[in-house]
């Protein structure tokens, strides 16, 4: 495998599958996992050491903010990009405080 290794985390199955197809269509990107909750994202990030984690902010159980904190705290190579359609300042501020490499 070459290029950027990506882990996709979104609780909406259709969106998760669409992101996997979109990322997988690029020659420079490789999907190493796709999960639907924050706890699974932390486990997959530990197991696969992706370069990038595409993280939904609202997830069942452990949300994307806490999952981001845990992935960043590990100090591994993974950089988290938080994805959200929510326009609430509280999500944006909490998400940025969790230490992602970016958000959109």
C-alpha atoms as a PDB file:
ATOM      1  CA  UNK A   1       0.000   0.000   0.000  1.00  0.00           C
ATOM      2  CA  UNK A   2       1.228   3.429  -0.893  1.00  0.00           C
ATOM      3  CA  UNK A   3      -0.144   6.893  -0.472  1.00  0.00           C
ATOM      4  CA  UNK A   4      -2.269   8.246   2.349  1.00  0.00           C
ATOM      5  CA  UNK A   5      -4.003   5.656   4.522  1.00  0.00           C
ATOM      6  CA  UNK A   6      -7.510   6.742   5.572  1.00  0.00           C
ATOM      7  CA  UNK A   7      -9.928   5.528   8.251  1.00  0.00           C
ATOM      8  CA  UNK A   8     -13.575   6.584   7.780  1.00  0.00           C
ATOM      9  CA  UNK A   9     -15.851   6.951  10.811  1.00  0.00           C
ATOM     10  CA  UNK A  10     -19.511   7.890  10.336  1.00  0.00           C
ATOM     11  CA  UNK A  11     -22.621   6.383  11.902  1.00  0.00           C
ATOM     12  CA  UNK A  12     -24.728   6.887   8.764  1.00  0.00           C
ATOM     13  CA  UNK A  13     -24.058   3.779   6.704  1.00  0.00           C
ATOM     14  CA  UNK A  14     -24.854   5.356   3.331  1.00  0.00           C
ATOM     15  CA  UNK A  15     -22.584   8.321   3.976  1.00  0.00           C
ATOM     16  CA  UNK A  16     -19.838   6.044   5.310  1.00  0.00           C
ATOM     17  CA  UNK A  17     -20.058   3.886   2.177  1.00  0.00           C
ATOM     18  CA  UNK A  18     -20.051   6.979  -0.063  1.00  0.00           C
ATOM     19  CA  UNK A  19     -16.943   8.331   1.682  1.00  0.00           C
ATOM     20  CA  UNK A  20     -15.233   4.952   1.311  1.00  0.00           C
ATOM     21  CA  UNK A  21     -15.991   4.916  -2.425  1.00  0.00           C
ATOM     22  CA  UNK A  22     -14.905   8.537  -2.854  1.00  0.00           C
ATOM     23  CA  UNK A  23     -11.637   8.080  -0.964  1.00  0.00           C
ATOM     24  CA  UNK A  24     -11.005   4.699  -2.588  1.00  0.00           C
ATOM     25  CA  UNK A  25     -11.379   6.184  -6.077  1.00  0.00           C
ATOM     26  CA  UNK A  26      -8.155   8.154  -5.672  1.00  0.00           C
ATOM     27  CA  UNK A  27      -4.853   6.535  -6.601  1.00  0.00           C
ATOM     28  CA  UNK A  28      -3.155   8.407  -3.742  1.00  0.00           C
ATOM     29  CA  UNK A  29      -5.567   7.308  -0.987  1.00  0.00           C
ATOM     30  CA  UNK A  30      -6.215   3.906   0.560  1.00  0.00           C
ATOM     31  CA  UNK A  31      -9.117   3.139   2.889  1.00  0.00           C
ATOM     32  CA  UNK A  32      -7.830   1.006   5.763  1.00  0.00           C
ATOM     33  CA  UNK A  33     -11.133   0.811   7.628  1.00  0.00           C
ATOM     34  CA  UNK A  34     -14.671   2.106   7.930  1.00  0.00           C
ATOM     35  CA  UNK A  35     -16.491   2.152  11.267  1.00  0.00           C
ATOM     36  CA  UNK A  36     -19.734   3.510  12.692  1.00  0.00           C
ATOM     37  CA  UNK A  37     -18.936   4.669  16.225  1.00  0.00           C
ATOM     38  CA  UNK A  38     -16.249   6.414  18.236  1.00  0.00           C
ATOM     39  CA  UNK A  39     -15.041   3.404  20.211  1.00  0.00           C
ATOM     40  CA  UNK A  40     -14.559   1.456  16.991  1.00  0.00           C
ATOM     41  CA  UNK A  41     -12.669   4.430  15.524  1.00  0.00           C
ATOM     42  CA  UNK A  42     -10.212   4.440  18.434  1.00  0.00           C
ATOM     43  CA  UNK A  43      -9.714   0.671  18.090  1.00  0.00           C
ATOM     44  CA  UNK A  44      -9.274   0.885  14.304  1.00  0.00           C
ATOM     45  CA  UNK A  45      -6.850   3.815  14.590  1.00  0.00           C
ATOM     46  CA  UNK A  46      -4.779   1.771  17.031  1.00  0.00           C
ATOM     47  CA  UNK A  47      -4.864  -1.333  14.850  1.00  0.00           C
ATOM     48  CA  UNK A  48      -4.322   0.263  11.426  1.00  0.00           C
ATOM     49  CA  UNK A  49      -2.329   3.446  12.224  1.00  0.00           C
ATOM     50  CA  UNK A  50      -3.978   5.461   9.416  1.00  0.00           C
ATOM     51  CA  UNK A  51      -2.468   8.740   8.282  1.00  0.00           C
ATOM     52  CA  UNK A  52      -5.900  10.412   8.337  1.00  0.00           C
ATOM     53  CA  UNK A  53      -9.106   9.693  10.242  1.00  0.00           C
ATOM     54  CA  UNK A  54     -12.259  11.213   8.750  1.00  0.00           C
ATOM     55  CA  UNK A  55     -14.342  11.556  11.929  1.00  0.00           C
ATOM     56  CA  UNK A  56     -18.032  12.366  12.215  1.00  0.00           C
ATOM     57  CA  UNK A  57     -18.644  14.590  15.241  1.00  0.00           C
ATOM     58  CA  UNK A  58     -21.927  12.972  16.384  1.00  0.00           C
ATOM     59  CA  UNK A  59     -21.716   9.230  16.912  1.00  0.00           C
ATOM     60  CA  UNK A  60     -23.533   6.717  19.092  1.00  0.00           C
ATOM     61  CA  UNK A  61     -21.818   5.810  22.353  1.00  0.00           C
ATOM     62  CA  UNK A  62     -18.474   7.583  22.301  1.00  0.00           C
ATOM     63  CA  UNK A  63     -18.899  10.703  20.154  1.00  0.00           C
ATOM     64  CA  UNK A  64     -16.381  11.932  17.598  1.00  0.00           C
ATOM     65  CA  UNK A  65     -15.019  14.567  19.945  1.00  0.00           C
ATOM     66  CA  UNK A  66     -14.009  12.038  22.606  1.00  0.00           C
ATOM     67  CA  UNK A  67     -12.734   9.609  19.970  1.00  0.00           C
ATOM     68  CA  UNK A  68     -10.606  12.413  18.516  1.00  0.00           C
ATOM     69  CA  UNK A  69      -9.191  13.214  21.979  1.00  0.00           C
ATOM     70  CA  UNK A  70      -8.215   9.595  22.492  1.00  0.00           C
ATOM     71  CA  UNK A  71      -6.663   9.166  19.055  1.00  0.00           C
ATOM     72  CA  UNK A  72      -4.676  12.403  19.379  1.00  0.00           C
ATOM     73  CA  UNK A  73      -3.601  11.545  22.956  1.00  0.00           C
ATOM     74  CA  UNK A  74      -2.031   8.295  21.736  1.00  0.00           C
ATOM     75  CA  UNK A  75       0.579  10.371  19.947  1.00  0.00           C
ATOM     76  CA  UNK A  76       0.596   8.119  16.897  1.00  0.00           C
ATOM     77  CA  UNK A  77       0.827   9.162  13.272  1.00  0.00           C
ATOM     78  CA  UNK A  78      -2.929   9.601  12.759  1.00  0.00           C
ATOM     79  CA  UNK A  79      -4.283  13.062  12.069  1.00  0.00           C
ATOM     80  CA  UNK A  80      -8.006  13.568  12.576  1.00  0.00           C
ATOM     81  CA  UNK A  81     -10.251  15.587  10.286  1.00  0.00           C
ATOM     82  CA  UNK A  82     -13.637  16.186  11.913  1.00  0.00           C
ATOM     83  CA  UNK A  83     -16.598  16.228   9.538  1.00  0.00           C
ATOM     84  CA  UNK A  84     -19.946  17.696  10.484  1.00  0.00           C
ATOM     85  CA  UNK A  85     -23.015  19.281   8.965  1.00  0.00           C
ATOM     86  CA  UNK A  86     -24.007  20.779  12.311  1.00  0.00           C
ATOM     87  CA  UNK A  87     -23.823  24.549  12.587  1.00  0.00           C
ATOM     88  CA  UNK A  88     -23.631  24.723  16.378  1.00  0.00           C
ATOM     89  CA  UNK A  89     -20.755  26.697  17.864  1.00  0.00           C
ATOM     90  CA  UNK A  90     -20.565  24.289  20.799  1.00  0.00           C
ATOM     91  CA  UNK A  91     -19.754  21.376  18.448  1.00  0.00           C
ATOM     92  CA  UNK A  92     -17.171  23.386  16.582  1.00  0.00           C
ATOM     93  CA  UNK A  93     -15.417  24.630  19.742  1.00  0.00           C
ATOM     94  CA  UNK A  94     -15.492  21.237  21.455  1.00  0.00           C
ATOM     95  CA  UNK A  95     -14.289  19.577  18.293  1.00  0.00           C
ATOM     96  CA  UNK A  96     -11.368  21.958  17.896  1.00  0.00           C
ATOM     97  CA  UNK A  97     -10.407  21.573  21.556  1.00  0.00           C
ATOM     98  CA  UNK A  98     -10.141  17.814  21.014  1.00  0.00           C
ATOM     99  CA  UNK A  99      -7.038  18.391  18.884  1.00  0.00           C
ATOM    100  CA  UNK A 100      -7.937  17.490  15.300  1.00  0.00           C
ATOM    101  CA  UNK A 101      -5.733  18.480  12.402  1.00  0.00           C
ATOM    102  CA  UNK A 102      -8.768  20.270  10.966  1.00  0.00           C
ATOM    103  CA  UNK A 103     -12.518  20.368  10.660  1.00  0.00           C
ATOM    104  CA  UNK A 104     -15.029  20.974   7.923  1.00  0.00           C
END
